[in-house]
Amino acid sequence: MAPYLLQWTAIQQGKKLGYKYYDFFGVAPGVIKDGEYVYDHKHRYAGITKFKLGFRGTPQNAPGTFDLPIEEKKYSIYKVFRKFRRLLP
């Protein structure tokens, strides 16, 4: 599948450049139990979490992200569309 090849290629490139970590950016909340990451399989990130864990990495906690609006008017419009999109199934 294309997503696997894309991620694997990025990981290989990172190793060549000497990086120690590869950030997949977010998984479903969970805990490490007996060396395995246990998460809620009904969480909205469950599918992507399964995909990411397939690479046998170790989930790490890191600070979250935030928005830094440059143009307040455009950002306000963006927030309205974002709220509307979240209402859709």
PDB file of N, CA and C in Angstrom:
ATOM      1  N   MET A   1       0.844  -1.191   0.000  1.00  0.00           N
ATOM      2  CA  MET A   1       0.000   0.000   0.000  1.00  0.00           C
ATOM      3  C   MET A   1       0.886   1.251   0.000  1.00  0.00           C
ATOM      4  N   ALA A   2       0.433   2.260  -0.689  1.00  0.00           N
ATOM      5  CA  ALA A   2       1.204   3.490  -0.847  1.00  0.00           C
ATOM      6  C   ALA A   2       1.556   4.162   0.489  1.00  0.00           C
ATOM      7  N   PRO A   3       0.632   4.265   1.460  1.00  0.00           N
ATOM      8  CA  PRO A   3       1.004   4.930   2.717  1.00  0.00           C
ATOM      9  C   PRO A   3       2.166   4.236   3.434  1.00  0.00           C
ATOM     10  N   TYR A   4       2.193   2.917   3.397  1.00  0.00           N
ATOM     11  CA  TYR A   4       3.295   2.187   4.042  1.00  0.00           C
ATOM     12  C   TYR A   4       4.620   2.502   3.356  1.00  0.00           C
ATOM     13  N   LEU A   5       4.618   2.465   2.029  1.00  0.00           N
ATOM     14  CA  LEU A   5       5.837   2.744   1.288  1.00  0.00           C
ATOM     15  C   LEU A   5       6.315   4.172   1.540  1.00  0.00           C
ATOM     16  N   LEU A   6       5.393   5.108   1.566  1.00  0.00           N
ATOM     17  CA  LEU A   6       5.761   6.503   1.807  1.00  0.00           C
ATOM     18  C   LEU A   6       6.395   6.673   3.187  1.00  0.00           C
ATOM     19  N   GLN A   7       5.763   6.122   4.218  1.00  0.00           N
ATOM     20  CA  GLN A   7       6.292   6.243   5.575  1.00  0.00           C
ATOM     21  C   GLN A   7       7.628   5.505   5.705  1.00  0.00           C
ATOM     22  N   TRP A   8       7.713   4.317   5.137  1.00  0.00           N
ATOM     23  CA  TRP A   8       8.949   3.541   5.242  1.00  0.00           C
ATOM     24  C   TRP A   8      10.094   4.272   4.553  1.00  0.00           C
ATOM     25  N   THR A   9       9.830   4.874   3.415  1.00  0.00           N
ATOM     26  CA  THR A   9      10.849   5.636   2.706  1.00  0.00           C
ATOM     27  C   THR A   9      11.299   6.830   3.546  1.00  0.00           C
ATOM     28  N   ALA A  10      10.361   7.519   4.184  1.00  0.00           N
ATOM     29  CA  ALA A  10      10.702   8.659   5.042  1.00  0.00           C
ATOM     30  C   ALA A  10      11.541   8.210   6.240  1.00  0.00           C
ATOM     31  N   ILE A  11      11.203   7.073   6.813  1.00  0.00           N
ATOM     32  CA  ILE A  11      11.978   6.539   7.945  1.00  0.00           C
ATOM     33  C   ILE A  11      13.400   6.208   7.493  1.00  0.00           C
ATOM     34  N   GLN A  12      13.530   5.561   6.360  1.00  0.00           N
ATOM     35  CA  GLN A  12      14.863   5.219   5.849  1.00  0.00           C
ATOM     36  C   GLN A  12      15.688   6.481   5.577  1.00  0.00           C
ATOM     37  N   GLN A  13      15.060   7.489   4.999  1.00  0.00           N
ATOM     38  CA  GLN A  13      15.769   8.742   4.717  1.00  0.00           C
ATOM     39  C   GLN A  13      16.216   9.403   6.022  1.00  0.00           C
ATOM     40  N   GLY A  14      15.350   9.377   7.016  1.00  0.00           N
ATOM     41  CA  GLY A  14      15.708   9.934   8.316  1.00  0.00           C
ATOM     42  C   GLY A  14      16.901   9.222   8.932  1.00  0.00           C
ATOM     43  N   LYS A  15      16.934   7.907   8.823  1.00  0.00           N
ATOM     44  CA  LYS A  15      18.076   7.142   9.340  1.00  0.00           C
ATOM     45  C   LYS A  15      19.363   7.518   8.620  1.00  0.00           C
ATOM     46  N   LYS A  16      19.280   7.670   7.299  1.00  0.00           N
ATOM     47  CA  LYS A  16      20.465   8.062   6.529  1.00  0.00           C
ATOM     48  C   LYS A  16      20.992   9.423   6.973  1.00  0.00           C
ATOM     49  N   LEU A  17      20.073  10.306   7.363  1.00  0.00           N
ATOM     50  CA  LEU A  17      20.456  11.653   7.798  1.00  0.00           C
ATOM     51  C   LEU A  17      20.874  11.698   9.267  1.00  0.00           C
ATOM     52  N   GLY A  18      20.780  10.544   9.945  1.00  0.00           N
ATOM     53  CA  GLY A  18      21.234  10.464  11.323  1.00  0.00           C
ATOM     54  C   GLY A  18      20.191  10.768  12.384  1.00  0.00           C
ATOM     55  N   TYR A  19      18.920  10.839  11.999  1.00  0.00           N
ATOM     56  CA  TYR A  19      17.870  11.102  12.985  1.00  0.00           C
ATOM     57  C   TYR A  19      17.609   9.872  13.835  1.00  0.00           C
ATOM     58  N   LYS A  20      17.259  10.083  15.095  1.00  0.00           N
ATOM     59  CA  LYS A  20      16.977   8.985  16.014  1.00  0.00           C
ATOM     60  C   LYS A  20      15.488   8.733  16.173  1.00  0.00           C
ATOM     61  N   TYR A  21      14.662   9.737  15.871  1.00  0.00           N
ATOM     62  CA  TYR A  21      13.217   9.633  16.086  1.00  0.00           C
ATOM     63  C   TYR A  21      12.462  10.000  14.819  1.00  0.00           C
ATOM     64  N   TYR A  22      11.286   9.383  14.666  1.00  0.00           N
ATOM     65  CA  TYR A  22      10.388   9.704  13.562  1.00  0.00           C
ATOM     66  C   TYR A  22       9.019   9.947  14.178  1.00  0.00           C
ATOM     67  N   ASP A  23       8.490  11.129  13.969  1.00  0.00           N
ATOM     68  CA  ASP A  23       7.226  11.512  14.594  1.00  0.00           C
ATOM     69  C   ASP A  23       6.070  11.292  13.628  1.00  0.00           C
ATOM     70  N   PHE A  24       5.236  10.303  13.935  1.00  0.00           N
ATOM     71  CA  PHE A  24       4.040  10.058  13.142  1.00  0.00           C
ATOM     72  C   PHE A  24       2.934  11.057  13.471  1.00  0.00           C
ATOM     73  N   PHE A  25       3.085  11.791  14.570  1.00  0.00           N
ATOM     74  CA  PHE A  25       2.165  12.847  14.980  1.00  0.00           C
ATOM     75  C   PHE A  25       0.784  12.332  15.380  1.00  0.00           C
ATOM     76  N   GLY A  26       0.718  11.759  16.552  1.00  0.00           N
ATOM     77  CA  GLY A  26      -0.565  11.475  17.175  1.00  0.00           C
ATOM     78  C   GLY A  26      -1.087  10.065  17.022  1.00  0.00           C
ATOM     79  N   VAL A  27      -1.557   9.530  18.135  1.00  0.00           N
ATOM     80  CA  VAL A  27      -2.226   8.230  18.181  1.00  0.00           C
ATOM     81  C   VAL A  27      -3.376   8.327  19.170  1.00  0.00           C
ATOM     82  N   ALA A  28      -4.210   7.317  19.180  1.00  0.00           N
ATOM     83  CA  ALA A  28      -5.301   7.259  20.159  1.00  0.00           C
ATOM     84  C   ALA A  28      -4.705   7.170  21.562  1.00  0.00           C
ATOM     85  N   PRO A  29      -5.330   7.802  22.533  1.00  0.00           N
ATOM     86  CA  PRO A  29      -4.796   7.729  23.893  1.00  0.00           C
ATOM     87  C   PRO A  29      -4.766   6.288  24.403  1.00  0.00           C
ATOM     88  N   GLY A  30      -3.735   5.975  25.163  1.00  0.00           N
ATOM     89  CA  GLY A  30      -3.610   4.628  25.691  1.00  0.00           C
ATOM     90  C   GLY A  30      -2.497   4.541  26.712  1.00  0.00           C
ATOM     91  N   VAL A  31      -2.189   3.321  27.093  1.00  0.00           N
ATOM     92  CA  VAL A  31      -1.124   3.062  28.064  1.00  0.00           C
ATOM     93  C   VAL A  31      -0.278   1.899  27.563  1.00  0.00           C
ATOM     94  N   ILE A  32       0.958   1.847  28.027  1.00  0.00           N
ATOM     95  CA  ILE A  32       1.818   0.705  27.702  1.00  0.00           C
ATOM     96  C   ILE A  32       1.651  -0.318  28.808  1.00  0.00           C
ATOM     97  N   LYS A  33       1.187  -1.507  28.426  1.00  0.00           N
ATOM     98  CA  LYS A  33       0.905  -2.585  29.373  1.00  0.00           C
ATOM     99  C   LYS A  33       1.625  -3.827  28.886  1.00  0.00           C
ATOM    100  N   ASP A  34       2.504  -4.370  29.736  1.00  0.00           N
ATOM    101  CA  ASP A  34       3.287  -5.557  29.379  1.00  0.00           C
ATOM    102  C   ASP A  34       4.031  -5.350  28.061  1.00  0.00           C
ATOM    103  N   GLY A  35       4.578  -4.160  27.863  1.00  0.00           N
ATOM    104  CA  GLY A  35       5.355  -3.861  26.674  1.00  0.00           C
ATOM    105  C   GLY A  35       4.546  -3.598  25.427  1.00  0.00           C
ATOM    106  N   GLU A  36       3.224  -3.549  25.544  1.00  0.00           N
ATOM    107  CA  GLU A  36       2.368  -3.336  24.386  1.00  0.00           C
ATOM    108  C   GLU A  36       1.498  -2.103  24.607  1.00  0.00           C
ATOM    109  N   TYR A  37       1.293  -1.309  23.568  1.00  0.00           N
ATOM    110  CA  TYR A  37       0.465  -0.109  23.658  1.00  0.00           C
ATOM    111  C   TYR A  37      -1.003  -0.509  23.549  1.00  0.00           C
ATOM    112  N   VAL A  38      -1.757  -0.270  24.614  1.00  0.00           N
ATOM    113  CA  VAL A  38      -3.167  -0.635  24.665  1.00  0.00           C
ATOM    114  C   VAL A  38      -3.992   0.645  24.543  1.00  0.00           C
ATOM    115  N   TYR A  39      -4.878   0.686  23.568  1.00  0.00           N
ATOM    116  CA  TYR A  39      -5.679   1.880  23.304  1.00  0.00           C
ATOM    117  C   TYR A  39      -7.123   1.498  23.021  1.00  0.00           C
ATOM    118  N   ASP A  40      -8.000   2.492  23.029  1.00  0.00           N
ATOM    119  CA  ASP A  40      -9.421   2.298  22.762  1.00  0.00           C
ATOM    120  C   ASP A  40      -9.616   2.096  21.259  1.00  0.00           C
ATOM    121  N   HIS A  41     -10.043   0.915  20.865  1.00  0.00           N
ATOM    122  CA  HIS A  41     -10.207   0.588  19.452  1.00  0.00           C
ATOM    123  C   HIS A  41     -11.420   1.270  18.828  1.00  0.00           C
ATOM    124  N   LYS A  42     -12.198   1.979  19.634  1.00  0.00           N
ATOM    125  CA  LYS A  42     -13.338   2.728  19.112  1.00  0.00           C
ATOM    126  C   LYS A  42     -13.019   4.222  18.997  1.00  0.00           C
ATOM    127  N   HIS A  43     -11.841   4.610  19.427  1.00  0.00           N
ATOM    128  CA  HIS A  43     -11.427   6.016  19.340  1.00  0.00           C
ATOM    129  C   HIS A  43     -11.321   6.427  17.874  1.00  0.00           C
ATOM    130  N   ARG A  44     -11.534   7.708  17.580  1.00  0.00           N
ATOM    131  CA  ARG A  44     -11.510   8.141  16.180  1.00  0.00           C
ATOM    132  C   ARG A  44     -10.126   7.995  15.542  1.00  0.00           C
ATOM    133  N   TYR A  45      -9.059   7.873  16.340  1.00  0.00           N
ATOM    134  CA  TYR A  45      -7.718   7.661  15.803  1.00  0.00           C
ATOM    135  C   TYR A  45      -7.304   6.190  15.848  1.00  0.00           C
ATOM    136  N   ALA A  46      -8.225   5.288  16.112  1.00  0.00           N
ATOM    137  CA  ALA A  46      -7.873   3.874  16.273  1.00  0.00           C
ATOM    138  C   ALA A  46      -7.251   3.289  15.003  1.00  0.00           C
ATOM    139  N   GLY A  47      -7.806   3.585  13.853  1.00  0.00           N
ATOM    140  CA  GLY A  47      -7.280   3.041  12.601  1.00  0.00           C
ATOM    141  C   GLY A  47      -5.870   3.523  12.307  1.00  0.00           C
ATOM    142  N   ILE A  48      -5.652   4.807  12.469  1.00  0.00           N
ATOM    143  CA  ILE A  48      -4.319   5.357  12.204  1.00  0.00           C
ATOM    144  C   ILE A  48      -3.328   4.886  13.261  1.00  0.00           C
ATOM    145  N   THR A  49      -3.814   4.656  14.477  1.00  0.00           N
ATOM    146  CA  THR A  49      -2.948   4.133  15.539  1.00  0.00           C
ATOM    147  C   THR A  49      -2.475   2.733  15.179  1.00  0.00           C
ATOM    148  N   LYS A  50      -3.389   1.902  14.692  1.00  0.00           N
ATOM    149  CA  LYS A  50      -3.019   0.546  14.281  1.00  0.00           C
ATOM    150  C   LYS A  50      -1.980   0.597  13.154  1.00  0.00           C
ATOM    151  N   PHE A  51      -2.183   1.485  12.195  1.00  0.00           N
ATOM    152  CA  PHE A  51      -1.238   1.655  11.094  1.00  0.00           C
ATOM    153  C   PHE A  51       0.147   2.030  11.624  1.00  0.00           C
ATOM    154  N   LYS A  52       0.192   3.004  12.515  1.00  0.00           N
ATOM    155  CA  LYS A  52       1.465   3.497  13.035  1.00  0.00           C
ATOM    156  C   LYS A  52       2.174   2.452  13.895  1.00  0.00           C
ATOM    157  N   LEU A  53       1.409   1.732  14.700  1.00  0.00           N
ATOM    158  CA  LEU A  53       2.017   0.706  15.549  1.00  0.00           C
ATOM    159  C   LEU A  53       2.563  -0.455  14.724  1.00  0.00           C
ATOM    160  N   GLY A  54       2.093  -0.590  13.493  1.00  0.00           N
ATOM    161  CA  GLY A  54       2.596  -1.637  12.601  1.00  0.00           C
ATOM    162  C   GLY A  54       4.076  -1.472  12.280  1.00  0.00           C
ATOM    163  N   PHE A  55       4.608  -0.270  12.516  1.00  0.00           N
ATOM    164  CA  PHE A  55       6.026  -0.032  12.269  1.00  0.00           C
ATOM    165  C   PHE A  55       6.876  -0.372  13.484  1.00  0.00           C
ATOM    166  N   ARG A  56       6.243  -0.853  14.546  1.00  0.00           N
ATOM    167  CA  ARG A  56       6.910  -1.326  15.764  1.00  0.00           C
ATOM    168  C   ARG A  56       7.651  -0.237  16.537  1.00  0.00           C
ATOM    169  N   GLY A  57       7.164   1.001  16.444  1.00  0.00           N
ATOM    170  CA  GLY A  57       7.759   2.075  17.233  1.00  0.00           C
ATOM    171  C   GLY A  57       7.205   2.087  18.644  1.00  0.00           C
ATOM    172  N   THR A  58       7.690   2.996  19.436  1.00  0.00           N
ATOM    173  CA  THR A  58       7.221   3.161  20.805  1.00  0.00           C
ATOM    174  C   THR A  58       6.541   4.513  20.941  1.00  0.00           C
ATOM    175  N   PRO A  59       5.258   4.535  21.305  1.00  0.00           N
ATOM    176  CA  PRO A  59       4.575   5.819  21.475  1.00  0.00           C
ATOM    177  C   PRO A  59       5.238   6.658  22.573  1.00  0.00           C
ATOM    178  N   GLN A  60       5.375   7.937  22.309  1.00  0.00           N
ATOM    179  CA  GLN A  60       5.975   8.881  23.244  1.00  0.00           C
ATOM    180  C   GLN A  60       5.006  10.037  23.467  1.00  0.00           C
ATOM    181  N   ASN A  61       5.025  10.599  24.650  1.00  0.00           N
ATOM    182  CA  ASN A  61       4.242  11.798  24.912  1.00  0.00           C
ATOM    183  C   ASN A  61       5.074  13.023  24.575  1.00  0.00           C
ATOM    184  N   ALA A  62       4.437  13.983  23.941  1.00  0.00           N
ATOM    185  CA  ALA A  62       5.106  15.230  23.590  1.00  0.00           C
ATOM    186  C   ALA A  62       4.099  16.367  23.729  1.00  0.00           C
ATOM    187  N   PRO A  63       4.578  17.582  23.831  1.00  0.00           N
ATOM    188  CA  PRO A  63       3.644  18.708  23.907  1.00  0.00           C
ATOM    189  C   PRO A  63       2.730  18.728  22.687  1.00  0.00           C
ATOM    190  N   GLY A  64       1.526  19.206  22.878  1.00  0.00           N
ATOM    191  CA  GLY A  64       0.569  19.279  21.787  1.00  0.00           C
ATOM    192  C   GLY A  64       0.883  20.416  20.832  1.00  0.00           C
ATOM    193  N   THR A  65      -0.005  20.622  19.898  1.00  0.00           N
ATOM    194  CA  THR A  65       0.175  21.690  18.923  1.00  0.00           C
ATOM    195  C   THR A  65      -0.790  22.826  19.239  1.00  0.00           C
ATOM    196  N   PHE A  66      -0.542  23.948  18.634  1.00  0.00           N
ATOM    197  CA  PHE A  66      -1.437  25.093  18.798  1.00  0.00           C
ATOM    198  C   PHE A  66      -1.398  25.924  17.528  1.00  0.00           C
ATOM    199  N   ASP A  67      -2.423  26.728  17.348  1.00  0.00           N
ATOM    200  CA  ASP A  67      -2.489  27.612  16.197  1.00  0.00           C
ATOM    201  C   ASP A  67      -1.968  28.986  16.588  1.00  0.00           C
ATOM    202  N   LEU A  68      -1.250  29.591  15.684  1.00  0.00           N
ATOM    203  CA  LEU A  68      -0.772  30.947  15.869  1.00  0.00           C
ATOM    204  C   LEU A  68      -1.323  31.763  14.699  1.00  0.00           C
ATOM    205  N   PRO A  69      -2.506  32.360  14.901  1.00  0.00           N
ATOM    206  CA  PRO A  69      -3.142  33.078  13.781  1.00  0.00           C
ATOM    207  C   PRO A  69      -2.348  34.312  13.372  1.00  0.00           C
ATOM    208  N   ILE A  70      -2.133  34.441  12.088  1.00  0.00           N
ATOM    209  CA  ILE A  70      -1.435  35.594  11.529  1.00  0.00           C
ATOM    210  C   ILE A  70      -2.455  36.649  11.092  1.00  0.00           C
ATOM    211  N   GLU A  71      -3.527  36.157  10.443  1.00  0.00           N
ATOM    212  CA  GLU A  71      -4.596  37.054  10.008  1.00  0.00           C
ATOM    213  C   GLU A  71      -5.879  36.649  10.730  1.00  0.00           C
ATOM    214  N   GLU A  72      -6.260  37.441  11.710  1.00  0.00           N
ATOM    215  CA  GLU A  72      -7.375  37.097  12.597  1.00  0.00           C
ATOM    216  C   GLU A  72      -8.686  36.869  11.846  1.00  0.00           C
ATOM    217  N   LYS A  73      -8.974  37.678  10.833  1.00  0.00           N
ATOM    218  CA  LYS A  73     -10.234  37.538  10.091  1.00  0.00           C
ATOM    219  C   LYS A  73     -10.299  36.195   9.362  1.00  0.00           C
ATOM    220  N   LYS A  74      -9.221  35.847   8.655  1.00  0.00           N
ATOM    221  CA  LYS A  74      -9.180  34.569   7.939  1.00  0.00           C
ATOM    222  C   LYS A  74      -9.208  33.399   8.919  1.00  0.00           C
ATOM    223  N   TYR A  75      -8.563  33.559  10.040  1.00  0.00           N
ATOM    224  CA  TYR A  75      -8.545  32.495  11.046  1.00  0.00           C
ATOM    225  C   TYR A  75      -9.939  32.271  11.615  1.00  0.00           C
ATOM    226  N   SER A  76     -10.694  33.337  11.813  1.00  0.00           N
ATOM    227  CA  SER A  76     -12.075  33.211  12.311  1.00  0.00           C
ATOM    228  C   SER A  76     -12.931  32.431  11.333  1.00  0.00           C
ATOM    229  N   ILE A  77     -12.766  32.698  10.050  1.00  0.00           N
ATOM    230  CA  ILE A  77     -13.515  31.957   9.020  1.00  0.00           C
ATOM    231  C   ILE A  77     -13.098  30.485   9.048  1.00  0.00           C
ATOM    232  N   TYR A  78     -11.817  30.239   9.159  1.00  0.00           N
ATOM    233  CA  TYR A  78     -11.304  28.863   9.243  1.00  0.00           C
ATOM    234  C   TYR A  78     -11.927  28.120  10.423  1.00  0.00           C
ATOM    235  N   LYS A  79     -12.020  28.779  11.583  1.00  0.00           N
ATOM    236  CA  LYS A  79     -12.577  28.118  12.772  1.00  0.00           C
ATOM    237  C   LYS A  79     -14.038  27.745  12.561  1.00  0.00           C
ATOM    238  N   VAL A  80     -14.798  28.593  11.874  1.00  0.00           N
ATOM    239  CA  VAL A  80     -16.212  28.288  11.596  1.00  0.00           C
ATOM    240  C   VAL A  80     -16.305  27.038  10.726  1.00  0.00           C
ATOM    241  N   PHE A  81     -15.512  26.994   9.653  1.00  0.00           N
ATOM    242  CA  PHE A  81     -15.523  25.818   8.773  1.00  0.00           C
ATOM    243  C   PHE A  81     -15.063  24.563   9.512  1.00  0.00           C
ATOM    244  N   ARG A  82     -14.104  24.708  10.373  1.00  0.00           N
ATOM    245  CA  ARG A  82     -13.593  23.571  11.139  1.00  0.00           C
ATOM    246  C   ARG A  82     -14.671  23.011  12.066  1.00  0.00           C
ATOM    247  N   LYS A  83     -15.401  23.900  12.758  1.00  0.00           N
ATOM    248  CA  LYS A  83     -16.485  23.433  13.628  1.00  0.00           C
ATOM    249  C   LYS A  83     -17.564  22.735  12.838  1.00  0.00           C
ATOM    250  N   PHE A  84     -17.899  23.300  11.667  1.00  0.00           N
ATOM    251  CA  PHE A  84     -18.922  22.689  10.816  1.00  0.00           C
ATOM    252  C   PHE A  84     -18.486  21.310  10.363  1.00  0.00           C
ATOM    253  N   ARG A  85     -17.220  21.174   9.940  1.00  0.00           N
ATOM    254  CA  ARG A  85     -16.717  19.885   9.462  1.00  0.00           C
ATOM    255  C   ARG A  85     -16.781  18.818  10.546  1.00  0.00           C
ATOM    256  N   ARG A  86     -16.539  19.219  11.786  1.00  0.00           N
ATOM    257  CA  ARG A  86     -16.570  18.241  12.883  1.00  0.00           C
ATOM    258  C   ARG A  86     -17.977  17.737  13.174  1.00  0.00           C
ATOM    259  N   LEU A  87     -18.990  18.473  12.730  1.00  0.00           N
ATOM    260  CA  LEU A  87     -20.377  18.036  12.917  1.00  0.00           C
ATOM    261  C   LEU A  87     -20.769  16.952  11.935  1.00  0.00           C
ATOM    262  N   LEU A  88     -20.045  16.859  10.826  1.00  0.00           N
ATOM    263  CA  LEU A  88     -20.353  15.856   9.806  1.00  0.00           C
ATOM    264  C   LEU A  88     -19.892  14.489  10.260  1.00  0.00           C
ATOM    265  N   PRO A  89     -20.633  13.440   9.894  1.00  0.00           N
ATOM    266  CA  PRO A  89     -20.249  12.079  10.316  1.00  0.00           C
ATOM    267  C   PRO A  89     -18.982  11.587   9.694  1.00  0.00           C
TER     268      PRO A  89
END
